[in-house]
Amino acid sequence: MSASNHSSLGIKPPISYKALIMALIFLLIALAGLSYVKWWPYYHKAIKAATEHSIGSSILTGDQATGPDPSIQAAWDYAAGYFKSVWKAAVLGILLGSLVQVLLPSQWLLRVLGKANFKSTALGGLASLPGMMCTCCAAPIAVGLRKKNVSVGASLAFWLGNPVLNPATLIFMTFVLSWKFTLMRLGFGLILTFAVSYFAERFAGKSEIPENVVETVDTIVELEGSLLSRWVRNVGSMSLTVIPAYFFSVLLLGGARAWMFPALGEGAMNGILAVIIFTIAGTLFVIPTAAEIPIIGTFLSFGFGTGVAGALLVTLPTISLPSLLMVYRSYPRRVVWFVLFSVIGLGLLSGLVGSFIL
């Protein structure tokens, strides 16, 4: 029976065995990749955090209050340290982002994550929890989901949920900083992942996928070429789009970090101006997964106020200039700007809350 006949009878066409096998292959690759890149290393890092109450020094400034003066060498040093930390996860992100487009059944994705409603957004956010990726490594997967017509809300929830609801980061944070930081991060993370993503869907306008498209899309995709040829095209296109913007923006931010996170006078360290400066800087700057923990710890040790700590707690991991550049073409412009200003606004609010409770 054809897809149109199924539609006329009100019956959802079944997903073929071929589609189920491809989905299983994707799942196995994702499980293997995440186990190697994320889950096993984070198990050992959790033990280190519990026993030593540390997960390392600040990638931003080392053991100093501020980073080196802006220079080409400073840019290169930060980029080298950063990419050494994230390259495996970045490769995995690009791999999974391309495989999403060729292995996962479009029928299933559109039914589960293709609706402009809170259910799809919530499922996208829940799907992010096992990923534990930083914003830049999760961005290619979000791009892949958007190319499969996954809704704005669901793909954003997946992208934002990876860094801000990362269970491993929450565990590290509890041991290294305190449970207060963990509860604050969890509360603001839930708002970012589910509320901001849902309201961003409203900004995107109506984007429901017609049922006849949902039912026939897999057949159309199969006509576009073999699995291997489609994957090569997708990974090539994604690499050309993602890698140059990623590399050069990390260099730029690494070179400018002393300007973005300046050394302040004793009084200014605890003022509202410091919260505003560090909120904006934290929103744009790029860090590996969980690097906000030693960064915040270092700033606190040098006398920066808990308002600054609260602002960085939300802004540093959530988005960055490189990750925004990666996803910019995949969303309506107003959605990207809405997410950017939402992160800044919530960062300022977190800074104010942090001033009182941290």
Protein backbone atom coordinates (compact mmCIF):
# COMPACT_ATOMS: atom_id res chain seq x y z
CA MET A 1 0.00 0.00 0.00
CA SER A 2 1.40 3.44 -0.95
CA ALA A 3 1.99 6.32 1.42
CA SER A 4 -0.97 8.19 -0.10
CA ASN A 5 -3.27 5.20 0.51
CA HIS A 6 -2.08 5.00 4.11
CA SER A 7 -2.81 8.71 4.49
CA SER A 8 -6.31 8.40 3.05
CA LEU A 9 -7.09 5.59 5.50
CA GLY A 10 -5.66 7.51 8.44
CA ILE A 11 -2.95 4.87 8.96
CA LYS A 12 0.68 5.83 9.59
CA PRO A 13 2.94 3.93 7.17
CA PRO A 14 5.36 1.61 8.95
CA ILE A 15 9.08 2.33 8.96
CA SER A 16 10.87 -0.20 6.76
CA TYR A 17 13.35 -2.76 8.06
CA LYS A 18 16.06 -0.91 6.13
CA ALA A 19 15.25 2.29 8.01
CA LEU A 20 15.29 0.44 11.33
CA ILE A 21 18.70 -1.07 10.54
CA MET A 22 20.10 2.35 9.62
CA ALA A 23 18.73 3.85 12.84
CA LEU A 24 20.34 1.01 14.81
CA ILE A 25 23.67 1.67 13.07
CA PHE A 26 23.43 5.33 14.04
CA LEU A 27 22.65 4.39 17.63
CA LEU A 28 25.63 2.02 17.84
CA ILE A 29 28.00 4.64 16.38
CA ALA A 30 26.67 7.27 18.80
CA LEU A 31 27.02 4.94 21.79
CA ALA A 32 30.56 3.91 20.83
CA GLY A 33 31.64 7.50 20.15
CA LEU A 34 30.13 8.93 23.33
CA SER A 35 31.56 6.11 25.43
CA TYR A 36 35.07 6.77 24.11
CA VAL A 37 34.98 10.58 23.98
CA LYS A 38 32.68 11.47 26.88
CA TRP A 39 31.36 8.85 29.27
CA TRP A 40 34.54 6.92 30.14
CA PRO A 41 36.80 10.01 30.47
CA TYR A 42 34.16 11.78 32.56
CA TYR A 43 33.92 8.82 34.91
CA HIS A 44 37.60 9.26 35.74
CA LYS A 45 37.24 13.05 35.94
CA ALA A 46 34.35 12.64 38.40
CA ILE A 47 36.61 10.55 40.65
CA LYS A 48 39.29 13.26 40.43
CA ALA A 49 36.72 15.95 41.29
CA ALA A 50 35.46 13.96 44.28
CA THR A 51 38.89 13.20 45.71
CA GLU A 52 40.86 16.33 44.81
CA HIS A 53 38.05 18.90 44.54
CA SER A 54 39.60 20.05 41.29
CA ILE A 55 39.40 19.19 37.59
CA GLY A 56 42.43 21.24 36.54
CA SER A 57 43.51 24.83 36.04
CA SER A 58 41.66 27.56 34.17
CA ILE A 59 42.09 27.29 30.39
CA LEU A 60 41.29 31.00 30.21
CA THR A 61 43.98 32.45 32.48
CA GLY A 62 45.86 29.53 34.03
CA ASP A 63 46.55 30.39 37.66
CA GLN A 64 46.49 34.16 36.97
CA ALA A 65 43.73 36.74 37.37
CA THR A 66 43.82 37.60 33.67
CA GLY A 67 45.16 36.16 30.47
CA PRO A 68 48.21 37.29 28.47
CA ASP A 69 48.19 40.53 26.51
CA PRO A 70 46.44 40.30 23.13
CA SER A 71 48.82 38.94 20.50
CA ILE A 72 49.13 36.36 17.75
CA GLN A 73 51.00 34.10 20.16
CA ALA A 74 48.24 34.40 22.76
CA ALA A 75 45.68 33.54 20.11
CA TRP A 76 47.65 30.52 18.95
CA ASP A 77 48.35 29.29 22.48
CA TYR A 78 44.68 29.37 23.43
CA ALA A 79 43.55 27.76 20.17
CA ALA A 80 46.14 24.98 20.59
CA GLY A 81 45.04 24.26 24.15
CA TYR A 82 41.38 24.46 23.28
CA PHE A 83 41.48 22.18 20.23
CA LYS A 84 43.68 19.70 22.06
CA SER A 85 40.90 19.42 24.62
CA VAL A 86 37.93 19.22 22.24
CA TRP A 87 39.12 17.75 18.93
CA LYS A 88 37.77 14.27 19.58
CA ALA A 89 34.35 15.63 20.56
CA ALA A 90 34.41 18.03 17.60
CA VAL A 91 35.09 15.18 15.18
CA LEU A 92 32.32 13.15 16.81
CA GLY A 93 29.93 16.09 16.54
CA ILE A 94 30.57 16.52 12.82
CA LEU A 95 30.31 12.74 12.29
CA LEU A 96 26.98 12.47 14.12
CA GLY A 97 25.67 15.67 12.53
CA SER A 98 26.27 14.20 9.08
CA LEU A 99 25.00 10.72 9.98
CA VAL A 100 21.77 12.19 11.36
CA GLN A 101 21.00 13.27 7.82
CA VAL A 102 21.56 9.89 6.15
CA LEU A 103 20.81 7.22 8.78
CA LEU A 104 17.89 8.40 10.90
CA PRO A 105 14.42 7.89 9.36
CA SER A 106 12.91 11.24 8.44
CA GLN A 107 9.41 9.92 9.18
CA TRP A 108 10.29 9.20 12.78
CA LEU A 109 12.28 12.39 13.33
CA LEU A 110 9.51 14.57 11.98
CA ARG A 111 6.81 12.87 14.02
CA VAL A 112 8.80 13.03 17.25
CA LEU A 113 10.79 16.26 16.87
CA GLY A 114 9.18 18.03 13.92
CA LYS A 115 6.23 19.69 15.61
CA ALA A 116 6.14 23.31 16.72
CA ASN A 117 4.95 22.41 20.21
CA PHE A 118 6.37 21.96 23.68
CA LYS A 119 6.36 18.17 23.44
CA SER A 120 8.90 18.19 20.60
CA THR A 121 10.98 20.79 22.44
CA ALA A 122 10.93 18.73 25.63
CA LEU A 123 11.96 15.57 23.78
CA GLY A 124 14.81 17.45 22.09
CA GLY A 125 16.02 18.65 25.48
CA LEU A 126 15.83 15.17 27.01
CA ALA A 127 17.73 13.74 24.03
CA SER A 128 20.60 16.12 24.82
CA LEU A 129 21.34 14.66 28.25
CA PRO A 130 23.50 11.69 27.17
CA GLY A 131 25.52 13.87 24.76
CA MET A 132 27.37 15.97 27.36
CA MET A 133 28.94 18.04 24.56
CA CYS A 134 30.09 21.63 24.63
CA THR A 135 28.13 24.14 22.58
CA CYS A 136 30.49 23.97 19.57
CA CYS A 137 30.57 20.18 19.42
CA ALA A 138 26.78 19.94 19.72
CA ALA A 139 26.22 22.60 17.04
CA PRO A 140 26.90 20.32 14.01
CA ILE A 141 24.31 17.84 15.30
CA ALA A 142 21.78 20.66 15.70
CA VAL A 143 22.57 21.73 12.13
CA GLY A 144 22.03 18.14 10.95
CA LEU A 145 18.70 17.98 12.76
CA ARG A 146 17.57 21.23 11.14
CA LYS A 147 18.49 19.87 7.71
CA LYS A 148 16.13 16.99 8.46
CA ASN A 149 13.38 19.57 9.20
CA VAL A 150 13.39 18.98 12.96
CA SER A 151 11.58 21.90 14.58
CA VAL A 152 13.36 25.01 15.77
CA GLY A 153 12.38 24.34 19.38
CA ALA A 154 13.49 20.70 19.45
CA SER A 155 16.83 21.30 17.75
CA LEU A 156 17.57 24.33 19.94
CA ALA A 157 16.71 22.36 23.08
CA PHE A 158 19.12 19.65 21.98
CA TRP A 159 21.85 22.19 21.24
CA LEU A 160 21.45 24.21 24.46
CA GLY A 161 20.75 21.22 26.70
CA ASN A 162 24.05 19.52 25.85
CA PRO A 163 26.27 22.07 27.62
CA VAL A 164 23.96 23.50 30.30
CA LEU A 165 22.31 20.28 31.54
CA ASN A 166 25.41 18.11 31.19
CA PRO A 167 25.08 15.62 34.10
CA ALA A 168 28.86 15.18 34.34
CA THR A 169 29.43 18.93 34.65
CA LEU A 170 26.82 19.15 37.40
CA ILE A 171 28.63 16.39 39.31
CA PHE A 172 32.03 18.07 38.87
CA MET A 173 30.55 21.39 39.96
CA THR A 174 29.15 19.98 43.17
CA PHE A 175 32.53 18.59 44.24
CA VAL A 176 34.69 21.50 43.06
CA LEU A 177 32.54 24.58 43.73
CA SER A 178 29.45 23.81 45.83
CA TRP A 179 25.91 22.48 45.65
CA LYS A 180 24.65 26.08 45.42
CA PHE A 181 26.38 26.49 42.05
CA THR A 182 24.91 23.17 40.91
CA LEU A 183 21.35 24.13 41.84
CA MET A 184 21.70 27.53 40.16
CA ARG A 185 23.10 25.97 37.02
CA LEU A 186 20.35 23.35 36.94
CA GLY A 187 17.61 25.95 37.39
CA PHE A 188 18.89 28.32 34.71
CA GLY A 189 19.78 25.35 32.50
CA LEU A 190 16.19 24.15 32.56
CA ILE A 191 14.97 27.63 31.61
CA LEU A 192 17.46 27.88 28.74
CA THR A 193 16.84 24.39 27.40
CA PHE A 194 13.08 24.24 27.57
CA ALA A 195 11.64 27.76 27.96
CA VAL A 196 14.01 29.73 25.70
CA SER A 197 13.89 27.00 23.04
CA TYR A 198 10.09 26.87 23.15
CA PHE A 199 9.67 30.63 22.88
CA ALA A 200 12.27 30.73 20.10
CA GLU A 201 9.89 28.42 18.21
CA ARG A 202 7.25 31.15 18.51
CA PHE A 203 9.67 33.61 16.91
CA ALA A 204 10.29 31.23 14.05
CA GLY A 205 6.65 31.35 12.95
CA LYS A 206 4.52 28.46 11.80
CA SER A 207 6.67 25.54 10.69
CA GLU A 208 4.47 22.42 10.95
CA ILE A 209 5.38 19.66 8.50
CA PRO A 210 2.35 18.47 6.46
CA GLU A 211 1.47 14.83 7.07
CA ASN A 212 1.89 13.85 3.41
CA VAL A 213 5.46 15.19 3.54
CA VAL A 214 6.14 13.26 6.75
CA GLU A 215 4.97 10.04 5.10
CA THR A 216 6.83 10.33 1.80
CA VAL A 217 10.08 12.10 2.74
CA ASP A 218 12.14 8.92 3.21
CA THR A 219 11.23 7.70 -0.26
CA ILE A 220 12.29 11.01 -1.77
CA VAL A 221 15.64 10.93 0.06
CA GLU A 222 16.39 7.41 -1.16
CA LEU A 223 16.21 8.69 -4.75
CA GLU A 224 18.99 11.21 -4.15
CA GLY A 225 21.82 8.66 -4.24
CA SER A 226 23.47 5.88 -2.33
CA LEU A 227 23.98 6.02 1.42
CA LEU A 228 27.74 6.48 1.07
CA SER A 229 27.50 9.24 -1.55
CA ARG A 230 24.93 11.14 0.52
CA TRP A 231 27.07 10.83 3.65
CA VAL A 232 30.21 12.04 1.83
CA ARG A 233 28.29 15.05 0.49
CA ASN A 234 26.86 15.85 3.90
CA VAL A 235 30.10 15.53 5.84
CA GLY A 236 31.95 17.52 3.20
CA SER A 237 29.38 20.29 3.18
CA MET A 238 29.24 20.42 6.97
CA SER A 239 33.03 20.49 7.30
CA LEU A 240 33.37 23.34 4.80
CA THR A 241 30.68 25.29 6.61
CA VAL A 242 31.70 24.59 10.19
CA ILE A 243 35.49 24.23 10.40
CA PRO A 244 36.73 27.58 8.96
CA ALA A 245 34.36 29.67 11.12
CA TYR A 246 35.19 27.52 14.12
CA PHE A 247 38.97 27.76 13.76
CA PHE A 248 39.31 31.47 13.04
CA SER A 249 36.78 32.59 15.66
CA VAL A 250 38.60 30.55 18.33
CA LEU A 251 41.85 32.25 17.31
CA LEU A 252 40.18 35.66 17.53
CA LEU A 253 38.71 35.02 20.96
CA GLY A 254 41.92 33.46 22.27
CA GLY A 255 43.88 36.54 21.26
CA ALA A 256 41.36 38.95 22.74
CA ARG A 257 40.71 37.17 26.06
CA ALA A 258 42.63 39.74 28.15
CA TRP A 259 40.36 42.47 26.77
CA MET A 260 37.22 40.38 27.23
CA PHE A 261 38.03 39.35 30.81
CA PRO A 262 39.96 42.34 32.17
CA ALA A 263 41.70 42.65 35.50
CA LEU A 264 39.55 44.97 37.60
CA GLY A 265 40.18 47.05 40.67
CA GLU A 266 39.14 45.65 44.03
CA GLY A 267 35.91 47.63 44.19
CA ALA A 268 34.95 46.99 40.58
CA MET A 269 35.35 43.23 41.01
CA ASN A 270 32.09 43.11 42.95
CA GLY A 271 30.11 45.73 41.05
CA ILE A 272 27.30 45.60 38.52
CA LEU A 273 29.67 46.80 35.78
CA ALA A 274 31.81 43.70 36.28
CA VAL A 275 28.72 41.50 36.02
CA ILE A 276 27.72 43.17 32.74
CA ILE A 277 31.23 42.93 31.25
CA PHE A 278 31.69 39.29 32.18
CA THR A 279 28.15 38.38 31.09
CA ILE A 280 28.77 39.64 27.56
CA ALA A 281 32.29 38.19 27.45
CA GLY A 282 31.08 34.83 28.76
CA THR A 283 28.32 34.70 26.16
CA LEU A 284 30.75 35.17 23.27
CA PHE A 285 33.79 33.27 24.56
CA VAL A 286 34.44 29.62 23.75
CA ILE A 287 35.50 26.92 26.23
CA PRO A 288 35.65 23.12 26.39
CA THR A 289 33.11 21.12 28.37
CA ALA A 290 33.12 21.93 32.13
CA ALA A 291 35.95 24.48 31.75
CA GLU A 292 33.74 27.10 33.39
CA ILE A 293 34.32 25.35 36.73
CA PRO A 294 38.07 26.07 37.09
CA ILE A 295 37.58 29.47 35.43
CA ILE A 296 35.02 30.48 38.06
CA GLY A 297 37.16 29.01 40.84
CA THR A 298 40.20 31.00 39.69
CA PHE A 299 38.29 34.28 39.50
CA LEU A 300 36.82 33.74 42.97
CA SER A 301 40.30 33.05 44.38
CA PHE A 302 41.43 36.44 43.08
CA GLY A 303 38.60 38.30 44.76
CA PHE A 304 36.03 38.58 41.98
CA GLY A 305 32.49 38.75 43.32
CA THR A 306 29.93 35.97 43.30
CA GLY A 307 27.90 38.08 40.87
CA VAL A 308 30.60 37.56 38.25
CA ALA A 309 30.67 33.86 39.14
CA GLY A 310 26.90 33.60 38.69
CA ALA A 311 27.03 35.32 35.32
CA LEU A 312 29.81 33.06 34.00
CA LEU A 313 28.03 29.99 35.36
CA VAL A 314 25.27 30.52 32.80
CA THR A 315 26.93 32.30 29.90
CA LEU A 316 30.28 30.55 29.46
CA PRO A 317 28.98 27.08 28.53
CA THR A 318 25.68 27.90 26.82
CA ILE A 319 26.67 29.51 23.52
CA SER A 320 29.72 31.18 22.00
CA LEU A 321 30.64 33.20 18.94
CA PRO A 322 31.94 30.08 17.11
CA SER A 323 28.82 28.03 17.87
CA LEU A 324 26.54 30.91 16.82
CA LEU A 325 28.41 31.15 13.52
CA MET A 326 28.01 27.38 13.03
CA VAL A 327 24.21 27.41 13.42
CA TYR A 328 23.50 30.86 11.97
CA ARG A 329 22.34 29.59 8.57
CA SER A 330 20.18 26.85 10.06
CA TYR A 331 17.74 29.11 11.90
CA PRO A 332 15.78 32.27 11.10
CA ARG A 333 17.92 35.27 11.98
CA ARG A 334 15.45 36.50 14.58
CA VAL A 335 15.70 33.14 16.37
CA VAL A 336 19.50 33.38 16.63
CA TRP A 337 19.29 36.91 17.99
CA PHE A 338 16.56 35.87 20.42
CA VAL A 339 18.76 33.09 21.78
CA LEU A 340 21.76 35.44 22.04
CA PHE A 341 19.87 38.11 24.00
CA SER A 342 18.12 35.48 26.13
CA VAL A 343 21.49 34.09 27.23
CA ILE A 344 22.75 37.59 28.02
CA GLY A 345 19.57 38.42 29.95
CA LEU A 346 19.63 35.20 31.93
CA GLY A 347 23.35 35.66 32.55
CA LEU A 348 22.70 39.07 34.10
CA LEU A 349 19.88 37.63 36.19
CA SER A 350 22.12 34.77 37.30
CA GLY A 351 24.76 37.31 38.25
CA LEU A 352 22.27 39.21 40.41
CA VAL A 353 21.03 36.00 42.03
CA GLY A 354 24.60 34.84 42.55
CA SER A 355 25.43 38.05 44.41
CA PHE A 356 22.96 37.04 47.11
CA ILE A 357 23.06 33.26 47.39
CA LEU A 358 26.52 32.05 46.29
